[in-house]
Amino acid sequence: MLEKTNRMNFLFDFYQSLLTPKQRNYMSLYYLDDLSLGEIAEEFGVSRQAVYDNIKRTEAMLEEYEEKLSLFRKFQERSAILNNMKEILSQKTLSREALIDAVAELEKLN
């Protein structure tokens, strides 16, 4: 569950501008503020089921955006490459070839 929550938080960060204000509110309250479905429903004067349905549809939309745009996947790949580059640079014997390979990997992501 924590892994799904983390993924949704990242996807929300990347794609929230593509959501409606209501979708942003529900997702923010549910995932970022950790409110229950009942608490969100009470705040907006709707049923718990309506909140649940909206969140599930929004999650599916976020996954679809990621499938098409891959912003989160590219972010993860860039982070891994940058960490690798930091490790290469911190070694006593600098491997120029390894650093060049890492830069080439970064260039492929764009």
N, C-alpha and C. Protein backbone atom coordinates (compact mmCIF):
# COMPACT_ATOMS: atom_id res chain seq x y z
N MET A 1 0.83 -1.19 0.00
CA MET A 1 0.00 0.00 0.00
C MET A 1 0.87 1.25 0.00
N LEU A 2 1.95 1.24 0.77
CA LEU A 2 2.83 2.40 0.82
C LEU A 2 3.45 2.68 -0.54
N GLU A 3 3.81 1.61 -1.26
CA GLU A 3 4.39 1.78 -2.58
C GLU A 3 3.39 2.44 -3.53
N LYS A 4 2.12 2.01 -3.47
CA LYS A 4 1.08 2.61 -4.30
C LYS A 4 0.89 4.08 -3.93
N THR A 5 0.88 4.37 -2.63
CA THR A 5 0.71 5.75 -2.17
C THR A 5 1.85 6.62 -2.68
N ASN A 6 3.07 6.13 -2.57
CA ASN A 6 4.23 6.89 -3.06
C ASN A 6 4.12 7.13 -4.57
N ARG A 7 3.74 6.08 -5.31
CA ARG A 7 3.59 6.21 -6.76
C ARG A 7 2.53 7.25 -7.10
N MET A 8 1.38 7.18 -6.44
CA MET A 8 0.30 8.13 -6.70
C MET A 8 0.73 9.55 -6.36
N ASN A 9 1.48 9.71 -5.28
CA ASN A 9 1.97 11.04 -4.92
C ASN A 9 2.89 11.61 -6.01
N PHE A 10 3.78 10.77 -6.55
CA PHE A 10 4.65 11.21 -7.63
C PHE A 10 3.85 11.53 -8.88
N LEU A 11 2.94 10.62 -9.26
CA LEU A 11 2.14 10.86 -10.45
C LEU A 11 1.32 12.13 -10.30
N PHE A 12 0.77 12.33 -9.10
CA PHE A 12 0.00 13.55 -8.83
C PHE A 12 0.89 14.78 -8.99
N ASP A 13 2.11 14.73 -8.48
CA ASP A 13 3.05 15.85 -8.63
C ASP A 13 3.30 16.18 -10.10
N PHE A 14 3.49 15.15 -10.90
CA PHE A 14 3.81 15.36 -12.30
C PHE A 14 2.61 15.80 -13.13
N TYR A 15 1.43 15.27 -12.84
CA TYR A 15 0.29 15.46 -13.74
C TYR A 15 -0.89 16.23 -13.15
N GLN A 16 -0.75 16.81 -11.97
CA GLN A 16 -1.89 17.45 -11.34
C GLN A 16 -2.49 18.58 -12.16
N SER A 17 -1.67 19.24 -12.96
CA SER A 17 -2.20 20.34 -13.76
C SER A 17 -3.16 19.86 -14.85
N LEU A 18 -3.16 18.57 -15.12
CA LEU A 18 -4.07 17.99 -16.12
C LEU A 18 -5.40 17.57 -15.51
N LEU A 19 -5.54 17.69 -14.21
CA LEU A 19 -6.75 17.27 -13.51
C LEU A 19 -7.69 18.45 -13.28
N THR A 20 -8.96 18.13 -13.05
CA THR A 20 -9.93 19.16 -12.70
C THR A 20 -9.67 19.59 -11.25
N PRO A 21 -10.18 20.76 -10.87
CA PRO A 21 -10.01 21.18 -9.48
C PRO A 21 -10.58 20.17 -8.47
N LYS A 22 -11.71 19.56 -8.78
CA LYS A 22 -12.30 18.58 -7.88
C LYS A 22 -11.40 17.35 -7.75
N GLN A 23 -10.87 16.88 -8.87
CA GLN A 23 -9.94 15.74 -8.82
C GLN A 23 -8.70 16.08 -8.01
N ARG A 24 -8.17 17.28 -8.21
CA ARG A 24 -6.98 17.70 -7.45
C ARG A 24 -7.30 17.74 -5.95
N ASN A 25 -8.46 18.29 -5.60
CA ASN A 25 -8.84 18.37 -4.19
C ASN A 25 -8.96 16.98 -3.56
N TYR A 26 -9.69 16.10 -4.22
CA TYR A 26 -9.89 14.75 -3.67
C TYR A 26 -8.56 14.01 -3.52
N MET A 27 -7.72 14.06 -4.55
CA MET A 27 -6.45 13.35 -4.51
C MET A 27 -5.53 13.95 -3.45
N SER A 28 -5.50 15.25 -3.36
CA SER A 28 -4.66 15.92 -2.37
C SER A 28 -5.10 15.55 -0.95
N LEU A 29 -6.38 15.61 -0.71
CA LEU A 29 -6.89 15.28 0.63
C LEU A 29 -6.66 13.81 0.96
N TYR A 30 -6.85 12.94 -0.01
CA TYR A 30 -6.74 11.50 0.23
C TYR A 30 -5.28 11.05 0.37
N TYR A 31 -4.44 11.48 -0.57
CA TYR A 31 -3.06 10.99 -0.59
C TYR A 31 -2.08 11.87 0.18
N LEU A 32 -2.24 13.17 0.11
CA LEU A 32 -1.28 14.03 0.77
C LEU A 32 -1.66 14.33 2.22
N ASP A 33 -2.94 14.58 2.45
CA ASP A 33 -3.40 14.91 3.81
C ASP A 33 -3.88 13.69 4.59
N ASP A 34 -3.96 12.54 3.92
CA ASP A 34 -4.33 11.26 4.53
C ASP A 34 -5.72 11.27 5.17
N LEU A 35 -6.65 11.99 4.54
CA LEU A 35 -8.04 11.96 5.01
C LEU A 35 -8.72 10.69 4.51
N SER A 36 -9.69 10.21 5.26
CA SER A 36 -10.45 9.02 4.84
C SER A 36 -11.48 9.43 3.80
N LEU A 37 -12.03 8.44 3.11
CA LEU A 37 -13.08 8.69 2.14
C LEU A 37 -14.27 9.37 2.81
N GLY A 38 -14.60 8.92 4.01
CA GLY A 38 -15.72 9.50 4.74
C GLY A 38 -15.49 10.96 5.10
N GLU A 39 -14.27 11.28 5.50
CA GLU A 39 -13.95 12.67 5.86
C GLU A 39 -14.04 13.58 4.64
N ILE A 40 -13.56 13.09 3.51
CA ILE A 40 -13.62 13.88 2.28
C ILE A 40 -15.07 14.06 1.86
N ALA A 41 -15.84 12.98 1.93
CA ALA A 41 -17.26 13.03 1.56
C ALA A 41 -18.00 14.05 2.41
N GLU A 42 -17.73 14.04 3.69
CA GLU A 42 -18.38 14.98 4.60
C GLU A 42 -18.02 16.43 4.26
N GLU A 43 -16.76 16.65 3.95
CA GLU A 43 -16.30 18.00 3.64
C GLU A 43 -16.96 18.55 2.37
N PHE A 44 -17.21 17.67 1.39
CA PHE A 44 -17.77 18.12 0.12
C PHE A 44 -19.28 17.87 0.01
N GLY A 45 -19.88 17.26 1.02
CA GLY A 45 -21.32 17.01 1.01
C GLY A 45 -21.75 16.01 -0.05
N VAL A 46 -20.93 14.99 -0.25
CA VAL A 46 -21.25 13.92 -1.21
C VAL A 46 -21.12 12.58 -0.50
N SER A 47 -21.47 11.52 -1.21
CA SER A 47 -21.38 10.19 -0.60
C SER A 47 -19.93 9.70 -0.61
N ARG A 48 -19.67 8.77 0.28
CA ARG A 48 -18.35 8.13 0.34
C ARG A 48 -18.05 7.43 -0.98
N GLN A 49 -19.09 6.81 -1.55
CA GLN A 49 -18.95 6.10 -2.83
C GLN A 49 -18.56 7.07 -3.95
N ALA A 50 -19.13 8.27 -3.94
CA ALA A 50 -18.80 9.26 -4.98
C ALA A 50 -17.32 9.64 -4.89
N VAL A 51 -16.81 9.81 -3.68
CA VAL A 51 -15.40 10.14 -3.49
C VAL A 51 -14.54 8.98 -3.96
N TYR A 52 -14.91 7.77 -3.56
CA TYR A 52 -14.16 6.57 -3.96
C TYR A 52 -14.10 6.46 -5.48
N ASP A 53 -15.25 6.60 -6.15
CA ASP A 53 -15.30 6.49 -7.61
C ASP A 53 -14.43 7.55 -8.27
N ASN A 54 -14.49 8.78 -7.77
CA ASN A 54 -13.69 9.86 -8.33
C ASN A 54 -12.21 9.58 -8.17
N ILE A 55 -11.80 9.12 -7.00
CA ILE A 55 -10.38 8.83 -6.76
C ILE A 55 -9.91 7.68 -7.65
N LYS A 56 -10.71 6.64 -7.79
CA LYS A 56 -10.31 5.50 -8.64
C LYS A 56 -10.19 5.93 -10.10
N ARG A 57 -11.13 6.73 -10.58
CA ARG A 57 -11.05 7.22 -11.96
C ARG A 57 -9.81 8.11 -12.14
N THR A 58 -9.54 8.94 -11.17
CA THR A 58 -8.39 9.83 -11.24
C THR A 58 -7.09 9.03 -11.21
N GLU A 59 -7.02 8.02 -10.38
CA GLU A 59 -5.83 7.15 -10.35
C GLU A 59 -5.60 6.52 -11.72
N ALA A 60 -6.67 6.05 -12.34
CA ALA A 60 -6.57 5.44 -13.68
C ALA A 60 -6.09 6.48 -14.70
N MET A 61 -6.59 7.70 -14.58
CA MET A 61 -6.16 8.76 -15.49
C MET A 61 -4.67 9.06 -15.31
N LEU A 62 -4.22 9.14 -14.06
CA LEU A 62 -2.81 9.40 -13.79
C LEU A 62 -1.93 8.31 -14.38
N GLU A 63 -2.35 7.06 -14.23
CA GLU A 63 -1.60 5.94 -14.81
C GLU A 63 -1.58 6.02 -16.33
N GLU A 64 -2.68 6.44 -16.92
CA GLU A 64 -2.76 6.59 -18.37
C GLU A 64 -1.84 7.71 -18.85
N TYR A 65 -1.82 8.83 -18.13
CA TYR A 65 -0.90 9.92 -18.47
C TYR A 65 0.54 9.43 -18.41
N GLU A 66 0.86 8.67 -17.37
CA GLU A 66 2.22 8.15 -17.23
C GLU A 66 2.56 7.19 -18.35
N GLU A 67 1.60 6.36 -18.73
CA GLU A 67 1.83 5.41 -19.82
C GLU A 67 2.16 6.16 -21.12
N LYS A 68 1.50 7.28 -21.34
CA LYS A 68 1.70 8.03 -22.58
C LYS A 68 2.90 8.98 -22.52
N LEU A 69 3.14 9.61 -21.38
CA LEU A 69 4.17 10.65 -21.28
C LEU A 69 5.45 10.21 -20.58
N SER A 70 5.35 9.24 -19.70
CA SER A 70 6.51 8.65 -19.01
C SER A 70 7.36 9.65 -18.22
N LEU A 71 6.76 10.69 -17.69
CA LEU A 71 7.53 11.67 -16.94
C LEU A 71 8.12 11.08 -15.66
N PHE A 72 7.34 10.28 -14.96
CA PHE A 72 7.83 9.68 -13.72
C PHE A 72 8.93 8.65 -13.99
N ARG A 73 8.73 7.81 -14.99
CA ARG A 73 9.74 6.81 -15.33
C ARG A 73 11.05 7.48 -15.71
N LYS A 74 10.98 8.53 -16.53
CA LYS A 74 12.19 9.25 -16.93
C LYS A 74 12.86 9.92 -15.73
N PHE A 75 12.04 10.44 -14.81
CA PHE A 75 12.58 11.04 -13.59
C PHE A 75 13.36 9.99 -12.79
N GLN A 76 12.79 8.79 -12.65
CA GLN A 76 13.46 7.72 -11.91
C GLN A 76 14.77 7.33 -12.60
N GLU A 77 14.73 7.21 -13.92
CA GLU A 77 15.93 6.82 -14.66
C GLU A 77 17.01 7.89 -14.53
N ARG A 78 16.61 9.16 -14.66
CA ARG A 78 17.59 10.26 -14.50
C ARG A 78 18.20 10.26 -13.11
N SER A 79 17.37 10.03 -12.10
CA SER A 79 17.86 10.00 -10.72
C SER A 79 18.88 8.89 -10.53
N ALA A 80 18.60 7.72 -11.09
CA ALA A 80 19.53 6.60 -10.98
C ALA A 80 20.85 6.90 -11.68
N ILE A 81 20.78 7.49 -12.85
CA ILE A 81 22.00 7.84 -13.59
C ILE A 81 22.81 8.89 -12.84
N LEU A 82 22.13 9.89 -12.30
CA LEU A 82 22.83 10.94 -11.55
C LEU A 82 23.50 10.37 -10.30
N ASN A 83 22.81 9.46 -9.62
CA ASN A 83 23.43 8.81 -8.46
C ASN A 83 24.66 8.03 -8.86
N ASN A 84 24.58 7.35 -10.01
CA ASN A 84 25.72 6.60 -10.53
C ASN A 84 26.87 7.55 -10.84
N MET A 85 26.56 8.69 -11.43
CA MET A 85 27.60 9.67 -11.75
C MET A 85 28.25 10.21 -10.48
N LYS A 86 27.47 10.47 -9.46
CA LYS A 86 28.02 10.94 -8.19
C LYS A 86 28.97 9.91 -7.60
N GLU A 87 28.58 8.64 -7.70
CA GLU A 87 29.44 7.58 -7.18
C GLU A 87 30.75 7.51 -7.97
N ILE A 88 30.65 7.63 -9.29
CA ILE A 88 31.85 7.61 -10.13
C ILE A 88 32.78 8.76 -9.75
N LEU A 89 32.20 9.94 -9.56
CA LEU A 89 33.01 11.11 -9.23
C LEU A 89 33.63 11.04 -7.84
N SER A 90 33.02 10.28 -6.95
CA SER A 90 33.56 10.18 -5.59
C SER A 90 34.66 9.14 -5.45
N GLN A 91 34.85 8.32 -6.46
CA GLN A 91 35.89 7.29 -6.40
C GLN A 91 37.27 7.92 -6.56
N LYS A 92 38.25 7.28 -5.92
CA LYS A 92 39.62 7.79 -5.98
C LYS A 92 40.15 7.78 -7.41
N THR A 93 39.90 6.72 -8.13
CA THR A 93 40.33 6.65 -9.52
C THR A 93 39.13 6.92 -10.40
N LEU A 94 39.12 8.08 -11.00
CA LEU A 94 38.00 8.52 -11.82
C LEU A 94 37.97 7.75 -13.13
N SER A 95 36.86 7.14 -13.43
CA SER A 95 36.70 6.40 -14.67
C SER A 95 36.04 7.30 -15.70
N ARG A 96 36.84 7.87 -16.56
CA ARG A 96 36.33 8.78 -17.60
C ARG A 96 35.32 8.08 -18.50
N GLU A 97 35.58 6.84 -18.85
CA GLU A 97 34.69 6.09 -19.73
C GLU A 97 33.32 5.87 -19.08
N ALA A 98 33.33 5.54 -17.80
CA ALA A 98 32.07 5.31 -17.08
C ALA A 98 31.26 6.61 -17.02
N LEU A 99 31.94 7.71 -16.83
CA LEU A 99 31.26 9.01 -16.77
C LEU A 99 30.69 9.37 -18.14
N ILE A 100 31.43 9.13 -19.17
CA ILE A 100 30.95 9.39 -20.54
C ILE A 100 29.74 8.51 -20.85
N ASP A 101 29.78 7.25 -20.42
CA ASP A 101 28.64 6.35 -20.61
C ASP A 101 27.40 6.87 -19.88
N ALA A 102 27.59 7.36 -18.67
CA ALA A 102 26.46 7.88 -17.89
C ALA A 102 25.86 9.11 -18.56
N VAL A 103 26.71 9.98 -19.09
CA VAL A 103 26.21 11.17 -19.79
C VAL A 103 25.45 10.74 -21.04
N ALA A 104 25.93 9.74 -21.73
CA ALA A 104 25.24 9.24 -22.92
C ALA A 104 23.86 8.68 -22.56
N GLU A 105 23.77 8.00 -21.41
CA GLU A 105 22.47 7.50 -20.95
C GLU A 105 21.50 8.64 -20.68
N LEU A 106 22.00 9.70 -20.06
CA LEU A 106 21.17 10.87 -19.80
C LEU A 106 20.67 11.48 -21.11
N GLU A 107 21.53 11.57 -22.08
CA GLU A 107 21.15 12.15 -23.37
C GLU A 107 20.06 11.33 -24.05
N LYS A 108 20.08 10.03 -23.88
CA LYS A 108 19.07 9.17 -24.51
C LYS A 108 17.68 9.41 -23.94
N LEU A 109 17.60 9.87 -22.70
CA LEU A 109 16.30 10.08 -22.05
C LEU A 109 15.53 11.25 -22.62
N ASN A 110 16.18 12.19 -23.26
CA ASN A 110 15.48 13.38 -23.77
C ASN A 110 14.82 13.15 -25.07
